[in-house]
Amino acid sequence: MLQTKATSPVGCLRPQPRALERLVCFAHAGGGPAVYRKWPEALAPEVEVWAATLPGRAMRSEEPFGAAWEPLVTSFADQLEPAGTEAPPALLGHSLGGLLAFEVARELERRGVAPRHVFVSGCRPPHRVVTGAPLPEGDDALVEDVDVRYGAVPPAVRAEPELLRRFVPVLRADLELAAAYVWDEGERLACPLTALSGMADKTAPPREVAHWAAHTSGPFQHLAMRGAHFFNHSELAGVATVIRRALA
């Protein structure tokens, strides 16, 4: 059941009294609920945006980072499993968040609850994820590596030592979580699946993202949009249109 408490792993970013659908969003590595702060306005009033918060950041900063997939997925599925006549939400995840959204959806379906829809963006499909490369040991080297590959470190963070000091442990923990991912082949999703990619994304190019088709027996669509890895924010208006149409 979705929660609204300040310390909940899943929280509503801005209530939409007239919303017909709820969309729960999982962020990229190093990200938190704040990365979706502009989404409620883009999707209002039809879709109410909720954000998932991993341990070790934002309102869960006192908790240890999540290092294992199974307990993390189970905890989010517990939060999102509908109670009574409550309708299941749609799930969305970007990059690392795409894998989390997918695994949470699988767990919900194992419990007999099909998510309304699953959206994955900037994310290779599970059976084609590249893992095993060691992370740079030094913080500066890690930030440089991530910035070169993803363009993921805001200039304001790089320029402010205190912000960087808080950001790097979160980033490293998430990248270690991503590296620990192991694809466990099982039943395909039954719910609709939409995969989005950035035309200039070198880490999850459209030709790779298209392989998400193998992971659902329900309706599937793949859309390539302008932009690089973080096209989901630079092209938010277009992404919002895709989401609204898919949920209509």
C-alpha atoms as a PDB file:
ATOM      1  CA  MET A   1       0.000   0.000   0.000  1.00  0.00           C
ATOM      2  CA  LEU A   2       1.398   3.417  -0.926  1.00  0.00           C
ATOM      3  CA  GLN A   3       2.479   5.479   2.065  1.00  0.00           C
ATOM      4  CA  THR A   4       2.604   9.233   2.639  1.00  0.00           C
ATOM      5  CA  LYS A   5       4.773   9.384   5.785  1.00  0.00           C
ATOM      6  CA  ALA A   6       7.885  11.554   5.598  1.00  0.00           C
ATOM      7  CA  THR A   7      10.152   8.554   6.209  1.00  0.00           C
ATOM      8  CA  SER A   8       8.375   6.241   3.781  1.00  0.00           C
ATOM      9  CA  PRO A   9      10.432   4.659   0.966  1.00  0.00           C
ATOM     10  CA  VAL A  10       7.731   5.865  -1.435  1.00  0.00           C
ATOM     11  CA  GLY A  11       6.164   9.293  -1.280  1.00  0.00           C
ATOM     12  CA  CYS A  12       3.892  11.570  -3.287  1.00  0.00           C
ATOM     13  CA  LEU A  13       5.719  14.581  -4.737  1.00  0.00           C
ATOM     14  CA  ARG A  14       2.594  16.690  -5.192  1.00  0.00           C
ATOM     15  CA  PRO A  15      -0.986  15.474  -4.587  1.00  0.00           C
ATOM     16  CA  GLN A  16      -3.284  15.624  -7.602  1.00  0.00           C
ATOM     17  CA  PRO A  17      -6.900  15.333  -6.379  1.00  0.00           C
ATOM     18  CA  ARG A  18      -8.195  14.673  -9.903  1.00  0.00           C
ATOM     19  CA  ALA A  19      -5.527  12.142 -10.868  1.00  0.00           C
ATOM     20  CA  LEU A  20      -6.660   8.984 -12.628  1.00  0.00           C
ATOM     21  CA  GLU A  21      -3.297   7.210 -12.339  1.00  0.00           C
ATOM     22  CA  ARG A  22      -0.311   7.032  -9.999  1.00  0.00           C
ATOM     23  CA  LEU A  23       3.228   6.771 -11.323  1.00  0.00           C
ATOM     24  CA  VAL A  24       6.012   5.603  -8.997  1.00  0.00           C
ATOM     25  CA  CYS A  25       9.459   6.718 -10.211  1.00  0.00           C
ATOM     26  CA  PHE A  26      12.878   5.195  -9.470  1.00  0.00           C
ATOM     27  CA  ALA A  27      15.947   7.401  -9.999  1.00  0.00           C
ATOM     28  CA  HIS A  28      19.294   6.762 -11.675  1.00  0.00           C
ATOM     29  CA  ALA A  29      22.459   5.897  -9.726  1.00  0.00           C
ATOM     30  CA  GLY A  30      23.328   8.712  -7.346  1.00  0.00           C
ATOM     31  CA  GLY A  31      19.847  10.187  -7.627  1.00  0.00           C
ATOM     32  CA  GLY A  32      16.949  10.589  -5.238  1.00  0.00           C
ATOM     33  CA  PRO A  33      13.346  11.799  -5.304  1.00  0.00           C
ATOM     34  CA  ALA A  34      14.453  15.354  -6.122  1.00  0.00           C
ATOM     35  CA  VAL A  35      15.388  14.353  -9.678  1.00  0.00           C
ATOM     36  CA  TYR A  36      11.661  14.054 -10.390  1.00  0.00           C
ATOM     37  CA  ARG A  37      10.693  17.410  -8.855  1.00  0.00           C
ATOM     38  CA  LYS A  38       9.568  18.853 -12.212  1.00  0.00           C
ATOM     39  CA  TRP A  39       7.499  15.819 -13.209  1.00  0.00           C
ATOM     40  CA  PRO A  40       4.278  16.503 -11.238  1.00  0.00           C
ATOM     41  CA  GLU A  41       3.643  19.686 -13.187  1.00  0.00           C
ATOM     42  CA  ALA A  42       4.403  17.962 -16.504  1.00  0.00           C
ATOM     43  CA  LEU A  43       1.944  15.130 -15.811  1.00  0.00           C
ATOM     44  CA  ALA A  44      -0.795  16.976 -13.924  1.00  0.00           C
ATOM     45  CA  PRO A  45      -3.679  16.637 -13.487  1.00  0.00           C
ATOM     46  CA  GLU A  46      -4.200  13.126 -14.895  1.00  0.00           C
ATOM     47  CA  VAL A  47      -1.150  11.454 -13.347  1.00  0.00           C
ATOM     48  CA  GLU A  48       0.036  11.792  -9.752  1.00  0.00           C
ATOM     49  CA  VAL A  49       3.808  11.359  -9.416  1.00  0.00           C
ATOM     50  CA  TRP A  50       5.341   9.413  -6.538  1.00  0.00           C
ATOM     51  CA  ALA A  51       9.056   8.885  -5.987  1.00  0.00           C
ATOM     52  CA  ALA A  52      10.893   5.902  -4.535  1.00  0.00           C
ATOM     53  CA  THR A  53      13.787   6.643  -2.192  1.00  0.00           C
ATOM     54  CA  LEU A  54      16.570   4.111  -1.751  1.00  0.00           C
ATOM     55  CA  PRO A  55      18.224   3.749   1.668  1.00  0.00           C
ATOM     56  CA  GLY A  56      21.053   6.121   2.528  1.00  0.00           C
ATOM     57  CA  ARG A  57      19.720   9.349   1.035  1.00  0.00           C
ATOM     58  CA  ALA A  58      17.124  12.116   1.480  1.00  0.00           C
ATOM     59  CA  MET A  59      14.656  11.194   4.245  1.00  0.00           C
ATOM     60  CA  ARG A  60      16.322   7.749   4.548  1.00  0.00           C
ATOM     61  CA  SER A  61      19.826   9.136   5.080  1.00  0.00           C
ATOM     62  CA  GLU A  62      20.177   7.417   8.472  1.00  0.00           C
ATOM     63  CA  GLU A  63      19.692   3.965   6.931  1.00  0.00           C
ATOM     64  CA  PRO A  64      22.584   1.909   5.535  1.00  0.00           C
ATOM     65  CA  PHE A  65      22.825   1.753   1.746  1.00  0.00           C
ATOM     66  CA  GLY A  66      21.081  -1.136   0.043  1.00  0.00           C
ATOM     67  CA  ALA A  67      23.731  -3.609  -1.098  1.00  0.00           C
ATOM     68  CA  ALA A  68      21.585  -6.601  -2.090  1.00  0.00           C
ATOM     69  CA  TRP A  69      18.824  -6.718  -4.675  1.00  0.00           C
ATOM     70  CA  GLU A  70      16.374  -9.165  -3.123  1.00  0.00           C
ATOM     71  CA  PRO A  71      15.622  -7.310   0.146  1.00  0.00           C
ATOM     72  CA  LEU A  72      15.516  -3.983  -1.677  1.00  0.00           C
ATOM     73  CA  VAL A  73      13.025  -5.249  -4.262  1.00  0.00           C
ATOM     74  CA  THR A  74      10.931  -6.965  -1.595  1.00  0.00           C
ATOM     75  CA  SER A  75      10.740  -3.824   0.530  1.00  0.00           C
ATOM     76  CA  PHE A  76       9.476  -1.714  -2.379  1.00  0.00           C
ATOM     77  CA  ALA A  77       6.988  -4.390  -3.436  1.00  0.00           C
ATOM     78  CA  ASP A  78       5.658  -4.430   0.132  1.00  0.00           C
ATOM     79  CA  GLN A  79       5.091  -0.672  -0.095  1.00  0.00           C
ATOM     80  CA  LEU A  80       3.431  -0.814  -3.500  1.00  0.00           C
ATOM     81  CA  GLU A  81       1.211  -3.868  -3.101  1.00  0.00           C
ATOM     82  CA  PRO A  82      -2.352  -2.491  -3.211  1.00  0.00           C
ATOM     83  CA  ALA A  83      -4.662  -2.833  -0.237  1.00  0.00           C
ATOM     84  CA  GLY A  84      -8.347  -3.604  -0.661  1.00  0.00           C
ATOM     85  CA  THR A  85      -9.766  -2.055  -3.811  1.00  0.00           C
ATOM     86  CA  GLU A  86      -6.744   0.182  -4.384  1.00  0.00           C
ATOM     87  CA  ALA A  87      -5.559   0.073  -8.000  1.00  0.00           C
ATOM     88  CA  PRO A  88      -1.922  -0.869  -8.713  1.00  0.00           C
ATOM     89  CA  PRO A  89       0.304   2.034  -9.755  1.00  0.00           C
ATOM     90  CA  ALA A  90       2.405   2.349 -12.878  1.00  0.00           C
ATOM     91  CA  LEU A  91       6.178   2.124 -12.391  1.00  0.00           C
ATOM     92  CA  LEU A  92       8.941   4.084 -14.093  1.00  0.00           C
ATOM     93  CA  GLY A  93      12.697   3.890 -13.736  1.00  0.00           C
ATOM     94  CA  HIS A  94      15.698   5.482 -15.403  1.00  0.00           C
ATOM     95  CA  SER A  95      19.054   3.718 -15.823  1.00  0.00           C
ATOM     96  CA  LEU A  96      19.623   1.792 -12.551  1.00  0.00           C
ATOM     97  CA  GLY A  97      16.065   2.781 -11.651  1.00  0.00           C
ATOM     98  CA  GLY A  98      14.815   0.967 -14.743  1.00  0.00           C
ATOM     99  CA  LEU A  99      16.162  -2.335 -13.443  1.00  0.00           C
ATOM    100  CA  LEU A 100      14.656  -1.634 -10.027  1.00  0.00           C
ATOM    101  CA  ALA A 101      11.253  -0.802 -11.484  1.00  0.00           C
ATOM    102  CA  PHE A 102      11.381  -3.978 -13.570  1.00  0.00           C
ATOM    103  CA  GLU A 103      12.351  -6.229 -10.653  1.00  0.00           C
ATOM    104  CA  VAL A 104       9.714  -4.669  -8.386  1.00  0.00           C
ATOM    105  CA  ALA A 105       7.140  -5.245 -11.133  1.00  0.00           C
ATOM    106  CA  ARG A 106       8.202  -8.902 -11.376  1.00  0.00           C
ATOM    107  CA  GLU A 107       7.827  -9.311  -7.613  1.00  0.00           C
ATOM    108  CA  LEU A 108       4.377  -7.708  -7.657  1.00  0.00           C
ATOM    109  CA  GLU A 109       3.270 -10.018 -10.445  1.00  0.00           C
ATOM    110  CA  ARG A 110       4.549 -13.018  -8.476  1.00  0.00           C
ATOM    111  CA  ARG A 111       2.137 -11.854  -5.775  1.00  0.00           C
ATOM    112  CA  GLY A 112      -0.698 -11.702  -8.275  1.00  0.00           C
ATOM    113  CA  VAL A 113      -0.616  -7.926  -8.719  1.00  0.00           C
ATOM    114  CA  ALA A 114       0.055  -6.593 -12.219  1.00  0.00           C
ATOM    115  CA  PRO A 115       1.351  -3.002 -12.319  1.00  0.00           C
ATOM    116  CA  ARG A 116      -0.690  -0.659 -14.462  1.00  0.00           C
ATOM    117  CA  HIS A 117       2.283  -0.164 -16.797  1.00  0.00           C
ATOM    118  CA  VAL A 118       6.082  -0.295 -16.593  1.00  0.00           C
ATOM    119  CA  PHE A 119       8.236   2.420 -18.187  1.00  0.00           C
ATOM    120  CA  VAL A 120      12.008   1.995 -18.463  1.00  0.00           C
ATOM    121  CA  SER A 121      14.328   4.650 -19.853  1.00  0.00           C
ATOM    122  CA  GLY A 122      18.047   4.900 -20.525  1.00  0.00           C
ATOM    123  CA  CYS A 123      18.407   1.295 -19.401  1.00  0.00           C
ATOM    124  CA  ARG A 124      19.727  -1.835 -21.063  1.00  0.00           C
ATOM    125  CA  PRO A 125      17.422  -4.862 -20.699  1.00  0.00           C
ATOM    126  CA  PRO A 126      18.310  -7.298 -17.900  1.00  0.00           C
ATOM    127  CA  HIS A 127      19.741 -10.004 -20.127  1.00  0.00           C
ATOM    128  CA  ARG A 128      22.085  -7.509 -21.798  1.00  0.00           C
ATOM    129  CA  VAL A 129      23.333  -5.591 -18.767  1.00  0.00           C
ATOM    130  CA  VAL A 130      27.112  -5.206 -18.711  1.00  0.00           C
ATOM    131  CA  THR A 131      28.530  -5.823 -15.221  1.00  0.00           C
ATOM    132  CA  GLY A 132      31.833  -6.831 -13.691  1.00  0.00           C
ATOM    133  CA  ALA A 133      33.990  -3.753 -14.408  1.00  0.00           C
ATOM    134  CA  PRO A 134      35.630  -2.553 -11.179  1.00  0.00           C
ATOM    135  CA  LEU A 135      34.849   0.956  -9.972  1.00  0.00           C
ATOM    136  CA  PRO A 136      37.657   3.525  -9.679  1.00  0.00           C
ATOM    137  CA  GLU A 137      38.967   3.522  -6.111  1.00  0.00           C
ATOM    138  CA  GLY A 138      39.458   7.265  -5.669  1.00  0.00           C
ATOM    139  CA  ASP A 139      36.493   9.622  -5.346  1.00  0.00           C
ATOM    140  CA  ASP A 140      37.829  12.072  -7.953  1.00  0.00           C
ATOM    141  CA  ALA A 141      38.407   9.242 -10.420  1.00  0.00           C
ATOM    142  CA  LEU A 142      34.917   7.876  -9.811  1.00  0.00           C
ATOM    143  CA  VAL A 143      33.272  11.251 -10.400  1.00  0.00           C
ATOM    144  CA  GLU A 144      35.321  11.831 -13.551  1.00  0.00           C
ATOM    145  CA  ASP A 145      34.489   8.376 -14.915  1.00  0.00           C
ATOM    146  CA  VAL A 146      30.757   8.776 -14.304  1.00  0.00           C
ATOM    147  CA  ASP A 147      30.720  12.301 -15.694  1.00  0.00           C
ATOM    148  CA  VAL A 148      32.452  11.204 -18.899  1.00  0.00           C
ATOM    149  CA  ARG A 149      30.180   8.209 -19.449  1.00  0.00           C
ATOM    150  CA  TYR A 150      26.844   9.672 -18.373  1.00  0.00           C
ATOM    151  CA  GLY A 151      27.205  13.423 -17.930  1.00  0.00           C
ATOM    152  CA  ALA A 152      25.642  12.721 -14.551  1.00  0.00           C
ATOM    153  CA  VAL A 153      27.428  15.054 -12.144  1.00  0.00           C
ATOM    154  CA  PRO A 154      25.908  18.542 -11.961  1.00  0.00           C
ATOM    155  CA  PRO A 155      28.511  21.353 -12.230  1.00  0.00           C
ATOM    156  CA  ALA A 156      27.180  22.847  -8.984  1.00  0.00           C
ATOM    157  CA  VAL A 157      28.001  19.605  -7.176  1.00  0.00           C
ATOM    158  CA  ARG A 158      31.494  19.332  -8.661  1.00  0.00           C
ATOM    159  CA  ALA A 159      32.250  22.911  -7.677  1.00  0.00           C
ATOM    160  CA  GLU A 160      31.140  22.560  -4.054  1.00  0.00           C
ATOM    161  CA  PRO A 161      33.310  20.257  -1.893  1.00  0.00           C
ATOM    162  CA  GLU A 162      30.621  19.709   0.757  1.00  0.00           C
ATOM    163  CA  LEU A 163      28.003  18.693  -1.804  1.00  0.00           C
ATOM    164  CA  LEU A 164      30.521  16.420  -3.497  1.00  0.00           C
ATOM    165  CA  ARG A 165      31.420  14.839  -0.158  1.00  0.00           C
ATOM    166  CA  ARG A 166      27.769  13.876   0.398  1.00  0.00           C
ATOM    167  CA  PHE A 167      27.150  12.862  -3.203  1.00  0.00           C
ATOM    168  CA  VAL A 168      30.047  10.476  -3.832  1.00  0.00           C
ATOM    169  CA  PRO A 169      29.122   7.794  -1.231  1.00  0.00           C
ATOM    170  CA  VAL A 170      25.576   7.629  -2.616  1.00  0.00           C
ATOM    171  CA  LEU A 171      26.887   7.363  -6.160  1.00  0.00           C
ATOM    172  CA  ARG A 172      29.399   4.662  -5.266  1.00  0.00           C
ATOM    173  CA  ALA A 173      26.809   2.619  -3.349  1.00  0.00           C
ATOM    174  CA  ASP A 174      24.394   2.733  -6.287  1.00  0.00           C
ATOM    175  CA  LEU A 175      27.075   1.779  -8.797  1.00  0.00           C
ATOM    176  CA  GLU A 176      28.089  -1.140  -6.579  1.00  0.00           C
ATOM    177  CA  LEU A 177      24.436  -2.188  -6.443  1.00  0.00           C
ATOM    178  CA  ALA A 178      24.244  -2.000 -10.239  1.00  0.00           C
ATOM    179  CA  ALA A 179      27.427  -4.066 -10.557  1.00  0.00           C
ATOM    180  CA  ALA A 180      25.930  -6.715  -8.272  1.00  0.00           C
ATOM    181  CA  TYR A 181      22.875  -7.211 -10.506  1.00  0.00           C
ATOM    182  CA  VAL A 182      22.444 -10.769 -11.758  1.00  0.00           C
ATOM    183  CA  TRP A 183      19.821 -11.587 -14.362  1.00  0.00           C
ATOM    184  CA  ASP A 184      17.582 -14.403 -13.171  1.00  0.00           C
ATOM    185  CA  GLU A 185      15.521 -15.628 -16.083  1.00  0.00           C
ATOM    186  CA  GLY A 186      11.909 -16.271 -15.168  1.00  0.00           C
ATOM    187  CA  GLU A 187       8.416 -15.418 -16.291  1.00  0.00           C
ATOM    188  CA  ARG A 188       8.054 -12.387 -18.504  1.00  0.00           C
ATOM    189  CA  LEU A 189       5.943  -9.496 -17.282  1.00  0.00           C
ATOM    190  CA  ALA A 190       2.283  -9.657 -18.221  1.00  0.00           C
ATOM    191  CA  CYS A 191       1.711  -5.907 -17.977  1.00  0.00           C
ATOM    192  CA  PRO A 192       2.375  -3.366 -20.741  1.00  0.00           C
ATOM    193  CA  LEU A 193       5.989  -2.228 -21.069  1.00  0.00           C
ATOM    194  CA  THR A 194       7.288   0.954 -22.688  1.00  0.00           C
ATOM    195  CA  ALA A 195      11.043   1.377 -23.234  1.00  0.00           C
ATOM    196  CA  LEU A 196      12.485   4.818 -23.959  1.00  0.00           C
ATOM    197  CA  SER A 197      15.965   5.623 -25.212  1.00  0.00           C
ATOM    198  CA  GLY A 198      18.030   8.658 -26.111  1.00  0.00           C
ATOM    199  CA  MET A 199      19.250   8.747 -29.701  1.00  0.00           C
ATOM    200  CA  ALA A 200      22.689   9.947 -28.551  1.00  0.00           C
ATOM    201  CA  ASP A 201      22.925   7.725 -25.461  1.00  0.00           C
ATOM    202  CA  LYS A 202      26.125   5.675 -25.706  1.00  0.00           C
ATOM    203  CA  THR A 203      25.534   3.600 -22.561  1.00  0.00           C
ATOM    204  CA  ALA A 204      22.008   2.470 -23.416  1.00  0.00           C
ATOM    205  CA  PRO A 205      21.667   3.096 -27.162  1.00  0.00           C
ATOM    206  CA  PRO A 206      18.337   2.533 -28.921  1.00  0.00           C
ATOM    207  CA  ARG A 207      19.510  -0.735 -30.519  1.00  0.00           C
ATOM    208  CA  GLU A 208      20.047  -2.161 -27.009  1.00  0.00           C
ATOM    209  CA  VAL A 209      16.948  -0.700 -25.385  1.00  0.00           C
ATOM    210  CA  ALA A 210      14.803  -2.267 -28.118  1.00  0.00           C
ATOM    211  CA  HIS A 211      15.607  -5.700 -26.625  1.00  0.00           C
ATOM    212  CA  TRP A 212      13.263  -4.956 -23.714  1.00  0.00           C
ATOM    213  CA  ALA A 213      10.610  -6.479 -25.964  1.00  0.00           C
ATOM    214  CA  ALA A 214      11.735  -9.896 -24.691  1.00  0.00           C
ATOM    215  CA  HIS A 215      10.584  -9.099 -21.155  1.00  0.00           C
ATOM    216  CA  THR A 216       6.830  -8.778 -21.466  1.00  0.00           C
ATOM    217  CA  SER A 217       4.047 -10.843 -22.941  1.00  0.00           C
ATOM    218  CA  GLY A 218       1.861  -7.741 -22.858  1.00  0.00           C
ATOM    219  CA  PRO A 219       1.841  -4.746 -25.191  1.00  0.00           C
ATOM    220  CA  PHE A 220       5.302  -3.327 -25.888  1.00  0.00           C
ATOM    221  CA  GLN A 221       6.603  -0.174 -27.490  1.00  0.00           C
ATOM    222  CA  HIS A 222      10.061   1.297 -27.874  1.00  0.00           C
ATOM    223  CA  LEU A 223      10.540   4.991 -28.577  1.00  0.00           C
ATOM    224  CA  ALA A 224      13.838   6.743 -29.291  1.00  0.00           C
ATOM    225  CA  MET A 225      13.921  10.432 -28.391  1.00  0.00           C
ATOM    226  CA  ARG A 226      16.343  13.296 -28.906  1.00  0.00           C
ATOM    227  CA  GLY A 227      19.116  13.616 -26.375  1.00  0.00           C
ATOM    228  CA  ALA A 228      21.769  11.585 -24.578  1.00  0.00           C
ATOM    229  CA  HIS A 229      21.552   9.541 -21.387  1.00  0.00           C
ATOM    230  CA  PHE A 230      19.418  12.042 -19.486  1.00  0.00           C
ATOM    231  CA  PHE A 231      16.950  12.727 -22.292  1.00  0.00           C
ATOM    232  CA  ASN A 232      14.164  11.892 -19.814  1.00  0.00           C
ATOM    233  CA  HIS A 233      14.719  15.314 -18.246  1.00  0.00           C
ATOM    234  CA  SER A 234      15.832  17.351 -21.266  1.00  0.00           C
ATOM    235  CA  GLU A 235      12.841  16.023 -23.246  1.00  0.00           C
ATOM    236  CA  LEU A 236      10.414  15.879 -20.320  1.00  0.00           C
ATOM    237  CA  ALA A 237       7.478  17.305 -22.275  1.00  0.00           C
ATOM    238  CA  GLY A 238       7.767  14.530 -24.857  1.00  0.00           C
ATOM    239  CA  VAL A 239       8.257  11.857 -22.202  1.00  0.00           C
ATOM    240  CA  ALA A 240       5.176  13.106 -20.354  1.00  0.00           C
ATOM    241  CA  THR A 241       3.133  12.865 -23.543  1.00  0.00           C
ATOM    242  CA  VAL A 242       4.241   9.250 -24.019  1.00  0.00           C
ATOM    243  CA  ILE A 243       3.283   8.408 -20.428  1.00  0.00           C
ATOM    244  CA  ARG A 244      -0.140  10.030 -20.629  1.00  0.00           C
ATOM    245  CA  ARG A 245      -0.954   8.283 -23.905  1.00  0.00           C
ATOM    246  CA  ALA A 246       0.197   4.908 -22.586  1.00  0.00           C
ATOM    247  CA  LEU A 247      -1.979   5.253 -19.477  1.00  0.00           C
ATOM    248  CA  ALA A 248      -5.028   6.693 -21.256  1.00  0.00           C
END
